[in-house]
């Protein structure tokens, strides 16, 4: 599992497409739909209509992957910080009773409001 406590901030950039579909889509459940994908250097995060899927790429070849799923239904509350005029970054903090706080930091353009809306549909 990804160590969210020591590496809780991921600087993520939107990929624009579902570039890592072959790695993640086999884990999708019935009626699960891709929303967006964000990538750090090698690691990446997929947002669907049901959960966040965090992928930690390991090893020299990058063939080994640690995949962590964070279902929206298990989130107790969340916080969103949108980008501003001088601060282009946005942030998403998810609060889980068992895993604690998980924070994602996005650079550049992001669908943070769309993601927040999907999460809200599960929490409200």
C-alpha atoms as a PDB file:
ATOM      1  CA  UNK A   1       0.000   0.000   0.000  1.00  0.00           C
ATOM      2  CA  UNK A   2       1.162   3.528  -0.685  1.00  0.00           C
ATOM      3  CA  UNK A   3       2.573   5.214   2.407  1.00  0.00           C
ATOM      4  CA  UNK A   4       0.179   8.180   2.564  1.00  0.00           C
ATOM      5  CA  UNK A   5       1.456   9.224   6.005  1.00  0.00           C
ATOM      6  CA  UNK A   6       5.044   9.894   4.902  1.00  0.00           C
ATOM      7  CA  UNK A   7       4.308  10.785   1.294  1.00  0.00           C
ATOM      8  CA  UNK A   8       0.906  12.328   1.745  1.00  0.00           C
ATOM      9  CA  UNK A   9       1.366  15.071  -0.822  1.00  0.00           C
ATOM     10  CA  UNK A  10       1.395  14.061  -4.456  1.00  0.00           C
ATOM     11  CA  UNK A  11       2.099  16.833  -6.998  1.00  0.00           C
ATOM     12  CA  UNK A  12      -0.170  15.703  -9.795  1.00  0.00           C
ATOM     13  CA  UNK A  13      -0.546  16.987 -13.333  1.00  0.00           C
ATOM     14  CA  UNK A  14      -3.560  16.189 -15.492  1.00  0.00           C
ATOM     15  CA  UNK A  15      -2.745  13.774 -18.313  1.00  0.00           C
ATOM     16  CA  UNK A  16      -5.711  14.777 -20.462  1.00  0.00           C
ATOM     17  CA  UNK A  17      -6.505  11.174 -21.368  1.00  0.00           C
ATOM     18  CA  UNK A  18      -6.829   7.746 -19.789  1.00  0.00           C
ATOM     19  CA  UNK A  19      -3.187   6.838 -20.511  1.00  0.00           C
ATOM     20  CA  UNK A  20      -2.951   4.017 -17.984  1.00  0.00           C
ATOM     21  CA  UNK A  21      -6.220   2.296 -18.853  1.00  0.00           C
ATOM     22  CA  UNK A  22      -4.649  -1.139 -19.365  1.00  0.00           C
ATOM     23  CA  UNK A  23      -3.294  -1.156 -15.799  1.00  0.00           C
ATOM     24  CA  UNK A  24      -6.386   0.082 -13.982  1.00  0.00           C
ATOM     25  CA  UNK A  25      -9.545  -0.702 -15.980  1.00  0.00           C
ATOM     26  CA  UNK A  26      -9.439  -4.445 -15.127  1.00  0.00           C
ATOM     27  CA  UNK A  27     -10.182  -3.360 -11.527  1.00  0.00           C
ATOM     28  CA  UNK A  28     -13.312  -1.402 -12.506  1.00  0.00           C
ATOM     29  CA  UNK A  29     -16.630  -2.714 -11.228  1.00  0.00           C
ATOM     30  CA  UNK A  30     -19.943  -2.695 -13.079  1.00  0.00           C
ATOM     31  CA  UNK A  31     -20.999   0.841 -14.082  1.00  0.00           C
ATOM     32  CA  UNK A  32     -17.706   2.385 -12.940  1.00  0.00           C
ATOM     33  CA  UNK A  33     -16.736   5.284 -15.191  1.00  0.00           C
ATOM     34  CA  UNK A  34     -13.383   7.031 -15.650  1.00  0.00           C
ATOM     35  CA  UNK A  35     -13.427  10.757 -14.753  1.00  0.00           C
ATOM     36  CA  UNK A  36      -9.818  11.908 -14.910  1.00  0.00           C
ATOM     37  CA  UNK A  37      -6.195  10.894 -14.518  1.00  0.00           C
ATOM     38  CA  UNK A  38      -3.349  12.811 -12.883  1.00  0.00           C
ATOM     39  CA  UNK A  39       0.297  11.831 -12.900  1.00  0.00           C
ATOM     40  CA  UNK A  40       3.384  12.609 -10.830  1.00  0.00           C
ATOM     41  CA  UNK A  41       6.792  11.478 -12.122  1.00  0.00           C
ATOM     42  CA  UNK A  42       5.909   7.767 -12.346  1.00  0.00           C
ATOM     43  CA  UNK A  43       3.003   7.398  -9.944  1.00  0.00           C
ATOM     44  CA  UNK A  44      -0.521   8.343 -10.946  1.00  0.00           C
ATOM     45  CA  UNK A  45      -4.052   8.707  -9.615  1.00  0.00           C
ATOM     46  CA  UNK A  46      -7.288   7.799 -11.389  1.00  0.00           C
ATOM     47  CA  UNK A  47     -10.626   9.295 -10.363  1.00  0.00           C
ATOM     48  CA  UNK A  48     -13.755   7.356 -11.257  1.00  0.00           C
ATOM     49  CA  UNK A  49     -17.397   7.858 -10.355  1.00  0.00           C
ATOM     50  CA  UNK A  50     -16.926   5.433  -7.413  1.00  0.00           C
ATOM     51  CA  UNK A  51     -13.381   5.855  -6.045  1.00  0.00           C
ATOM     52  CA  UNK A  52      -9.840   7.126  -6.240  1.00  0.00           C
ATOM     53  CA  UNK A  53      -7.271   4.626  -7.491  1.00  0.00           C
ATOM     54  CA  UNK A  54      -3.676   5.518  -6.549  1.00  0.00           C
ATOM     55  CA  UNK A  55      -0.919   3.659  -8.411  1.00  0.00           C
ATOM     56  CA  UNK A  56       2.650   3.508  -7.109  1.00  0.00           C
ATOM     57  CA  UNK A  57       4.960   2.387  -9.936  1.00  0.00           C
ATOM     58  CA  UNK A  58       7.842   0.342  -8.528  1.00  0.00           C
ATOM     59  CA  UNK A  59      11.127  -1.135  -9.723  1.00  0.00           C
ATOM     60  CA  UNK A  60      13.485  -0.114 -12.495  1.00  0.00           C
ATOM     61  CA  UNK A  61      11.266  -1.371 -15.295  1.00  0.00           C
ATOM     62  CA  UNK A  62       8.058   0.029 -13.807  1.00  0.00           C
ATOM     63  CA  UNK A  63       6.191  -3.222 -14.446  1.00  0.00           C
ATOM     64  CA  UNK A  64       5.505  -3.768 -10.761  1.00  0.00           C
ATOM     65  CA  UNK A  65       2.676  -1.588  -9.466  1.00  0.00           C
ATOM     66  CA  UNK A  66       1.078  -1.085  -6.071  1.00  0.00           C
ATOM     67  CA  UNK A  67      -2.590  -0.185  -6.567  1.00  0.00           C
ATOM     68  CA  UNK A  68      -4.556   1.360  -3.687  1.00  0.00           C
ATOM     69  CA  UNK A  69      -8.288   1.966  -3.972  1.00  0.00           C
ATOM     70  CA  UNK A  70      -9.998   4.661  -1.916  1.00  0.00           C
ATOM     71  CA  UNK A  71     -13.798   4.292  -2.205  1.00  0.00           C
ATOM     72  CA  UNK A  72     -15.809   7.496  -1.928  1.00  0.00           C
ATOM     73  CA  UNK A  73     -18.315   5.637   0.239  1.00  0.00           C
ATOM     74  CA  UNK A  74     -15.671   5.370   3.020  1.00  0.00           C
ATOM     75  CA  UNK A  75     -14.849   9.096   3.105  1.00  0.00           C
ATOM     76  CA  UNK A  76     -16.122  10.853   6.222  1.00  0.00           C
ATOM     77  CA  UNK A  77     -15.491  14.375   4.944  1.00  0.00           C
ATOM     78  CA  UNK A  78     -13.350  16.144   2.378  1.00  0.00           C
ATOM     79  CA  UNK A  79     -11.836  19.528   1.709  1.00  0.00           C
ATOM     80  CA  UNK A  80     -11.144  21.246  -1.616  1.00  0.00           C
ATOM     81  CA  UNK A  81      -8.914  24.237  -2.264  1.00  0.00           C
ATOM     82  CA  UNK A  82      -9.361  25.599  -5.769  1.00  0.00           C
ATOM     83  CA  UNK A  83      -6.692  27.439  -7.743  1.00  0.00           C
ATOM     84  CA  UNK A  84      -6.526  31.225  -7.749  1.00  0.00           C
ATOM     85  CA  UNK A  85      -5.019  34.030  -9.807  1.00  0.00           C
ATOM     86  CA  UNK A  86      -1.464  33.756  -8.480  1.00  0.00           C
ATOM     87  CA  UNK A  87      -1.707  30.274  -6.954  1.00  0.00           C
ATOM     88  CA  UNK A  88      -2.417  27.803  -9.758  1.00  0.00           C
ATOM     89  CA  UNK A  89      -2.346  24.733  -7.539  1.00  0.00           C
ATOM     90  CA  UNK A  90      -5.449  23.106  -6.118  1.00  0.00           C
ATOM     91  CA  UNK A  91      -5.746  20.559  -3.322  1.00  0.00           C
ATOM     92  CA  UNK A  92      -8.033  17.743  -2.274  1.00  0.00           C
ATOM     93  CA  UNK A  93      -7.996  16.306   1.241  1.00  0.00           C
ATOM     94  CA  UNK A  94      -9.931  13.125   1.988  1.00  0.00           C
ATOM     95  CA  UNK A  95     -10.629  12.071   5.580  1.00  0.00           C
ATOM     96  CA  UNK A  96     -11.018   8.364   6.362  1.00  0.00           C
ATOM     97  CA  UNK A  97     -11.551   6.960   9.871  1.00  0.00           C
ATOM     98  CA  UNK A  98      -9.234   4.004   9.241  1.00  0.00           C
ATOM     99  CA  UNK A  99      -6.580   5.567   6.964  1.00  0.00           C
ATOM    100  CA  UNK A 100      -6.494   9.118   8.302  1.00  0.00           C
ATOM    101  CA  UNK A 101      -6.105  12.120   6.004  1.00  0.00           C
ATOM    102  CA  UNK A 102      -4.971  11.693   2.427  1.00  0.00           C
ATOM    103  CA  UNK A 103      -3.963  14.822   0.549  1.00  0.00           C
ATOM    104  CA  UNK A 104      -3.527  15.301  -3.182  1.00  0.00           C
ATOM    105  CA  UNK A 105      -2.022  18.468  -4.631  1.00  0.00           C
ATOM    106  CA  UNK A 106      -2.703  19.259  -8.280  1.00  0.00           C
ATOM    107  CA  UNK A 107      -0.659  21.486 -10.553  1.00  0.00           C
ATOM    108  CA  UNK A 108      -2.036  23.217 -13.635  1.00  0.00           C
ATOM    109  CA  UNK A 109      -5.565  22.680 -14.861  1.00  0.00           C
ATOM    110  CA  UNK A 110      -7.640  20.194 -12.930  1.00  0.00           C
ATOM    111  CA  UNK A 111     -11.223  18.986 -12.634  1.00  0.00           C
ATOM    112  CA  UNK A 112     -11.211  19.529  -8.871  1.00  0.00           C
ATOM    113  CA  UNK A 113     -14.775  20.905  -8.816  1.00  0.00           C
ATOM    114  CA  UNK A 114     -16.036  17.970 -10.902  1.00  0.00           C
ATOM    115  CA  UNK A 115     -14.259  15.524  -8.592  1.00  0.00           C
ATOM    116  CA  UNK A 116     -15.719  17.274  -5.525  1.00  0.00           C
ATOM    117  CA  UNK A 117     -19.200  17.022  -7.022  1.00  0.00           C
ATOM    118  CA  UNK A 118     -18.840  13.270  -7.571  1.00  0.00           C
ATOM    119  CA  UNK A 119     -17.595  12.769  -4.004  1.00  0.00           C
ATOM    120  CA  UNK A 120     -20.473  14.885  -2.690  1.00  0.00           C
ATOM    121  CA  UNK A 121     -22.986  12.617  -4.409  1.00  0.00           C
ATOM    122  CA  UNK A 122     -21.736   9.765  -2.224  1.00  0.00           C
ATOM    123  CA  UNK A 123     -21.556  11.731   1.014  1.00  0.00           C
ATOM    124  CA  UNK A 124     -24.821  13.676   0.912  1.00  0.00           C
END
